[in-house]
């Protein structure tokens, strides 16, 4: 009984922590960046952030779908439906108690026959692989910055080569890992690290654009390292969708790397989060509407067949 009560209480406390951290980030940001600067920002950069958020949603859908193909889905789960489920659950996870995760697991069990235990294995698979790729990007970026500063050799060539080697190694190992963890053949296991890498690159792009909006023309590689660090910390699940935790992580990483003013970085992170929510709301609602109509149509056809 204590364990059953402790988990919801911790999640509610995490939600409160996330809101408090976001408020602190906003307070930190408005000391350096006026709201008018964001309102009058170039529309192209704001649209670019929104497009990158859409790319993250689609790549996450592909990532989850590729992993789910190795499990007992009956009927098989299509890529479009999985992307829709990711859009819905990502939006719902902004609420306390992470209802998005719970609803996705129950949907897969009821409509595709995937046992809850297998859904937990899928989530574990996602977290571990995401953590490996994100941590690799952070470490490579930090090592590249140190190596460039101490040896006078640019990390712009070294880091991508090392990153390509790491991704290649992970890709070659994925089929072996998939055979041990998944009950069925995961045809695209070797491609999953590439998909996750593209997801992180899109996250770095949207943060780089957000920094430009607030007036910090930092390099894309610096933005990428900070964004990957934010994604890595968000995997802990301490707050909903890494709310607040991600913003202060990217701020701390960039301040440590470049000694820029924390107010500018915090405002960029908050603005990026705001655009993320503005994109997720319509995507989640549209996906929910399409999914409900699809299920209603199949239920109608099923009744017709029974007659």
Protein backbone atom coordinates (compact mmCIF):
# COMPACT_ATOMS: atom_id res chain seq x y z
CA UNK A 1 0.00 0.00 0.00
CA UNK A 2 2.83 2.38 0.85
CA UNK A 3 4.51 1.75 -2.51
CA UNK A 4 1.25 2.36 -4.37
CA UNK A 5 0.81 5.70 -2.63
CA UNK A 6 4.45 6.76 -2.82
CA UNK A 7 4.71 6.69 -6.62
CA UNK A 8 1.77 9.08 -7.31
CA UNK A 9 2.93 11.39 -4.52
CA UNK A 10 6.44 11.54 -5.97
CA UNK A 11 5.05 12.27 -9.43
CA UNK A 12 2.92 15.11 -8.10
CA UNK A 13 5.94 16.49 -6.26
CA UNK A 14 7.94 16.18 -9.48
CA UNK A 15 5.26 18.14 -11.31
CA UNK A 16 5.46 20.89 -8.69
CA UNK A 17 9.24 20.89 -8.96
CA UNK A 18 9.04 21.23 -12.73
CA UNK A 19 6.68 24.21 -12.51
CA UNK A 20 8.90 25.88 -9.91
CA UNK A 21 12.00 25.42 -12.06
CA UNK A 22 10.23 26.82 -15.12
CA UNK A 23 9.12 29.88 -13.16
CA UNK A 24 12.69 30.39 -11.97
CA UNK A 25 13.96 30.05 -15.55
CA UNK A 26 11.46 32.66 -16.74
CA UNK A 27 12.50 35.00 -13.92
CA UNK A 28 16.15 34.46 -14.82
CA UNK A 29 15.45 35.10 -18.49
CA UNK A 30 13.40 38.29 -18.26
CA UNK A 31 16.28 39.98 -16.44
CA UNK A 32 18.25 39.87 -19.71
CA UNK A 33 15.76 39.39 -22.54
CA UNK A 34 12.63 41.49 -22.95
CA UNK A 35 9.43 39.83 -24.23
CA UNK A 36 9.38 42.32 -27.10
CA UNK A 37 12.59 40.83 -28.46
CA UNK A 38 10.96 37.43 -28.77
CA UNK A 39 7.73 38.84 -30.17
CA UNK A 40 9.68 40.75 -32.83
CA UNK A 41 11.98 37.83 -33.60
CA UNK A 42 12.41 36.73 -37.23
CA UNK A 43 9.48 34.48 -38.14
CA UNK A 44 11.76 32.15 -40.10
CA UNK A 45 13.67 31.15 -36.97
CA UNK A 46 10.48 30.61 -34.96
CA UNK A 47 9.04 28.49 -37.76
CA UNK A 48 12.31 26.57 -37.90
CA UNK A 49 11.96 25.68 -34.20
CA UNK A 50 8.39 24.47 -34.77
CA UNK A 51 9.49 22.36 -37.75
CA UNK A 52 12.28 20.83 -35.64
CA UNK A 53 9.73 19.94 -32.94
CA UNK A 54 7.62 18.19 -35.59
CA UNK A 55 10.73 16.35 -36.73
CA UNK A 56 11.35 15.21 -33.14
CA UNK A 57 7.79 13.87 -32.88
CA UNK A 58 8.03 11.96 -36.16
CA UNK A 59 11.48 10.55 -35.42
CA UNK A 60 10.34 9.48 -31.95
CA UNK A 61 7.40 7.72 -33.59
CA UNK A 62 9.74 5.90 -35.97
CA UNK A 63 12.04 5.03 -33.05
CA UNK A 64 9.26 3.52 -30.93
CA UNK A 65 7.70 1.78 -33.92
CA UNK A 66 10.99 0.19 -34.92
CA UNK A 67 11.41 -1.24 -31.43
CA UNK A 68 7.77 -2.36 -31.15
CA UNK A 69 8.05 -4.45 -34.34
CA UNK A 70 10.08 -6.94 -32.32
CA UNK A 71 7.26 -7.58 -29.88
CA UNK A 72 3.93 -9.44 -29.93
CA UNK A 73 1.64 -6.88 -31.56
CA UNK A 74 -1.52 -8.49 -32.97
CA UNK A 75 -2.72 -6.90 -35.18
CA UNK A 76 0.62 -5.36 -36.21
CA UNK A 77 1.13 -1.74 -35.23
CA UNK A 78 1.56 0.67 -38.14
CA UNK A 79 4.03 3.55 -38.22
CA UNK A 80 1.27 6.14 -38.55
CA UNK A 81 -0.62 4.86 -35.52
CA UNK A 82 2.52 4.72 -33.40
CA UNK A 83 3.43 8.30 -34.36
CA UNK A 84 -0.09 9.36 -33.41
CA UNK A 85 0.20 7.58 -30.06
CA UNK A 86 3.51 9.33 -29.40
CA UNK A 87 1.91 12.72 -30.17
CA UNK A 88 -0.96 12.01 -27.79
CA UNK A 89 1.14 10.58 -24.98
CA UNK A 90 3.74 13.37 -25.24
CA UNK A 91 1.00 15.94 -24.74
CA UNK A 92 -0.68 14.02 -21.89
CA UNK A 93 2.65 13.57 -20.12
CA UNK A 94 2.64 17.29 -19.33
CA UNK A 95 -0.10 16.49 -16.82
CA UNK A 96 0.62 15.11 -13.33
CA UNK A 97 1.03 11.32 -12.89
CA UNK A 98 2.24 10.87 -16.53
CA UNK A 99 -1.11 9.73 -17.97
CA UNK A 100 0.38 9.64 -21.47
CA UNK A 101 2.65 6.70 -20.65
CA UNK A 102 -0.14 4.80 -18.91
CA UNK A 103 -2.66 5.41 -21.68
CA UNK A 104 -0.21 4.30 -24.40
CA UNK A 105 0.61 1.07 -22.55
CA UNK A 106 -3.09 0.28 -22.03
CA UNK A 107 -3.94 1.12 -25.65
CA UNK A 108 -1.26 -1.25 -26.93
CA UNK A 109 -2.54 -3.99 -24.63
CA UNK A 110 -6.24 -3.58 -25.53
CA UNK A 111 -6.01 -2.91 -29.27
CA UNK A 112 -2.77 -4.68 -30.25
CA UNK A 113 -2.42 -7.40 -27.64
CA UNK A 114 1.00 -6.28 -26.38
CA UNK A 115 1.35 -7.41 -22.74
CA UNK A 116 2.10 -4.73 -20.19
CA UNK A 117 5.39 -6.46 -19.38
CA UNK A 118 6.50 -6.14 -23.01
CA UNK A 119 5.52 -2.46 -23.06
CA UNK A 120 7.76 -1.94 -20.04
CA UNK A 121 10.59 -3.71 -21.86
CA UNK A 122 10.01 -1.42 -24.86
CA UNK A 123 10.22 1.65 -22.62
CA UNK A 124 13.40 0.29 -21.02
CA UNK A 125 14.88 -0.34 -24.47
CA UNK A 126 14.03 3.24 -25.50
CA UNK A 127 15.54 4.80 -22.38
CA UNK A 128 18.79 2.80 -22.50
CA UNK A 129 19.46 3.38 -26.21
CA UNK A 130 18.51 7.07 -25.93
CA UNK A 131 20.81 7.47 -22.94
CA UNK A 132 23.74 5.84 -24.76
CA UNK A 133 23.41 8.05 -27.84
CA UNK A 134 22.74 11.26 -25.85
CA UNK A 135 25.64 10.64 -23.47
CA UNK A 136 27.93 9.92 -26.42
CA UNK A 137 27.03 13.25 -28.03
CA UNK A 138 27.65 15.13 -24.78
CA UNK A 139 30.99 13.46 -24.11
CA UNK A 140 32.18 13.86 -27.69
CA UNK A 141 31.22 17.52 -27.69
CA UNK A 142 32.95 18.24 -24.39
CA UNK A 143 36.06 16.29 -25.41
CA UNK A 144 36.10 18.08 -28.75
CA UNK A 145 35.93 21.46 -27.03
CA UNK A 146 38.77 20.60 -24.64
CA UNK A 147 40.91 19.05 -27.38
CA UNK A 148 40.39 22.04 -29.63
CA UNK A 149 41.29 24.47 -26.88
CA UNK A 150 44.41 22.66 -25.70
CA UNK A 151 45.88 21.45 -28.98
CA UNK A 152 44.72 24.13 -31.35
CA UNK A 153 43.07 21.51 -33.55
CA UNK A 154 39.46 22.04 -34.49
CA UNK A 155 36.99 19.50 -33.17
CA UNK A 156 34.72 20.13 -36.15
CA UNK A 157 36.42 17.27 -37.98
CA UNK A 158 37.44 15.01 -35.11
CA UNK A 159 34.09 14.93 -33.31
CA UNK A 160 31.92 13.94 -36.32
CA UNK A 161 34.37 11.15 -37.22
CA UNK A 162 34.34 9.77 -33.67
CA UNK A 163 30.56 10.13 -33.57
CA UNK A 164 30.21 8.21 -36.82
CA UNK A 165 32.42 5.43 -35.43
CA UNK A 166 30.31 5.19 -32.25
CA UNK A 167 27.01 5.14 -34.14
CA UNK A 168 28.37 2.49 -36.50
CA UNK A 169 29.44 0.31 -33.58
CA UNK A 170 26.08 0.68 -31.85
CA UNK A 171 24.26 -0.08 -35.12
CA UNK A 172 26.27 -3.27 -35.56
CA UNK A 173 25.49 -4.40 -32.00
CA UNK A 174 21.77 -3.60 -32.09
CA UNK A 175 20.60 -6.77 -33.93
CA UNK A 176 22.35 -8.93 -31.31
CA UNK A 177 20.80 -6.97 -28.43
CA UNK A 178 17.38 -7.05 -30.10
CA UNK A 179 17.50 -10.84 -30.46
CA UNK A 180 18.09 -11.17 -26.72
CA UNK A 181 15.44 -8.68 -25.59
CA UNK A 182 12.64 -9.01 -28.16
CA UNK A 183 10.54 -12.16 -28.67
CA UNK A 184 10.32 -11.60 -32.44
CA UNK A 185 12.66 -10.41 -35.18
CA UNK A 186 13.28 -6.66 -35.09
CA UNK A 187 13.98 -6.04 -38.79
CA UNK A 188 15.18 -2.44 -38.45
CA UNK A 189 17.20 -2.86 -35.25
CA UNK A 190 20.41 -1.69 -36.94
CA UNK A 191 18.71 1.57 -38.00
CA UNK A 192 17.46 2.59 -34.53
CA UNK A 193 20.71 4.35 -33.42
CA UNK A 194 20.65 6.38 -36.65
CA UNK A 195 17.05 7.45 -36.01
CA UNK A 196 17.88 8.49 -32.45
CA UNK A 197 20.94 10.40 -33.64
CA UNK A 198 18.78 12.32 -36.12
CA UNK A 199 16.34 13.04 -33.28
CA UNK A 200 19.14 14.55 -31.19
CA UNK A 201 20.42 16.55 -34.17
CA UNK A 202 16.92 18.01 -34.62
CA UNK A 203 16.86 18.89 -30.91
CA UNK A 204 20.20 20.65 -31.29
CA UNK A 205 18.88 22.59 -34.29
CA UNK A 206 15.83 23.92 -32.46
CA UNK A 207 17.92 25.01 -29.48
CA UNK A 208 20.47 26.68 -31.77
CA UNK A 209 17.65 28.64 -33.43
CA UNK A 210 16.24 29.58 -30.02
CA UNK A 211 19.63 30.95 -28.97
CA UNK A 212 19.77 33.05 -32.12
CA UNK A 213 16.34 34.49 -31.33
CA UNK A 214 17.53 35.81 -27.95
CA UNK A 215 20.74 37.15 -29.45
CA UNK A 216 23.31 34.45 -28.70
CA UNK A 217 25.03 33.46 -31.98
CA UNK A 218 26.72 30.36 -30.58
CA UNK A 219 27.85 27.49 -32.79
CA UNK A 220 25.58 24.60 -33.65
CA UNK A 221 27.97 22.11 -32.01
CA UNK A 222 27.74 23.97 -28.69
CA UNK A 223 23.95 24.01 -28.94
CA UNK A 224 23.92 20.32 -29.81
CA UNK A 225 25.94 19.33 -26.74
CA UNK A 226 23.64 21.34 -24.47
CA UNK A 227 20.49 19.93 -26.11
CA UNK A 228 21.78 16.36 -25.83
CA UNK A 229 22.51 16.97 -22.16
CA UNK A 230 18.95 18.21 -21.69
CA UNK A 231 17.55 15.13 -23.44
CA UNK A 232 19.73 12.87 -21.30
CA UNK A 233 18.54 14.40 -18.03
CA UNK A 234 14.91 14.31 -19.21
CA UNK A 235 15.14 10.51 -19.45
CA UNK A 236 15.30 10.33 -15.64
CA UNK A 237 11.60 11.21 -15.55
CA UNK A 238 11.85 13.31 -12.41
CA UNK A 239 9.48 15.92 -13.87
CA UNK A 240 6.89 15.66 -16.70
CA UNK A 241 8.75 15.64 -20.04
CA UNK A 242 11.80 16.96 -18.20
CA UNK A 243 9.94 20.18 -17.38
CA UNK A 244 12.32 22.66 -15.77
CA UNK A 245 15.09 20.08 -15.45
CA UNK A 246 15.89 20.29 -19.17
CA UNK A 247 15.92 24.09 -19.17
CA UNK A 248 18.38 24.38 -16.29
CA UNK A 249 20.55 21.56 -17.64
CA UNK A 250 21.07 23.22 -21.02
CA UNK A 251 21.67 26.52 -19.23
CA UNK A 252 24.30 25.00 -16.95
CA UNK A 253 26.06 23.18 -19.80
CA UNK A 254 26.29 26.26 -22.02
CA UNK A 255 27.35 28.56 -19.19
CA UNK A 256 30.10 26.09 -18.27
CA UNK A 257 31.24 25.75 -21.89
CA UNK A 258 31.07 29.36 -23.05
CA UNK A 259 30.68 31.58 -19.95
CA UNK A 260 27.66 33.30 -21.52
CA UNK A 261 25.04 35.00 -19.35
CA UNK A 262 22.65 32.43 -17.92
CA UNK A 263 19.64 34.72 -18.43
CA UNK A 264 19.89 34.55 -22.22
CA UNK A 265 20.22 30.78 -22.24
CA UNK A 266 17.37 30.29 -19.78
CA UNK A 267 15.05 32.47 -21.87
CA UNK A 268 15.99 30.59 -25.03
CA UNK A 269 15.23 27.28 -23.31
CA UNK A 270 11.87 28.52 -21.99
CA UNK A 271 10.91 29.92 -25.39
CA UNK A 272 11.83 26.62 -27.04
CA UNK A 273 9.65 24.80 -24.51
CA UNK A 274 6.76 27.15 -25.22
CA UNK A 275 6.95 26.47 -28.96
CA UNK A 276 7.18 22.75 -28.25
CA UNK A 277 3.91 22.88 -26.31
CA UNK A 278 2.26 25.02 -29.02
CA UNK A 279 3.14 22.34 -31.58
CA UNK A 280 2.26 19.37 -29.38
CA UNK A 281 -1.24 20.61 -28.55
CA UNK A 282 -2.63 20.57 -32.13
CA UNK A 283 -0.62 17.45 -33.03
CA UNK A 284 -1.96 15.59 -29.99
CA UNK A 285 -5.55 16.70 -30.56
CA UNK A 286 -5.48 15.87 -34.28
CA UNK A 287 -3.92 12.47 -33.56
CA UNK A 288 -6.58 11.76 -30.94
CA UNK A 289 -9.38 12.69 -33.34
CA UNK A 290 -7.96 10.55 -36.15
CA UNK A 291 -7.37 7.61 -33.82
CA UNK A 292 -10.88 7.79 -32.37
CA UNK A 293 -12.45 7.86 -35.86
CA UNK A 294 -10.27 4.94 -36.94
CA UNK A 295 -11.31 2.85 -33.95
CA UNK A 296 -14.97 3.79 -34.39
CA UNK A 297 -14.83 2.77 -38.06
CA UNK A 298 -13.26 -0.59 -37.27
CA UNK A 299 -15.84 -1.21 -34.52
CA UNK A 300 -18.65 -0.46 -37.01
CA UNK A 301 -17.18 -2.85 -39.57
CA UNK A 302 -16.77 -5.52 -36.90
CA UNK A 303 -20.45 -5.25 -35.95
CA UNK A 304 -21.41 -5.47 -39.62
CA UNK A 305 -19.41 -8.68 -40.02
CA UNK A 306 -21.09 -10.21 -37.00
CA UNK A 307 -24.51 -9.60 -38.56
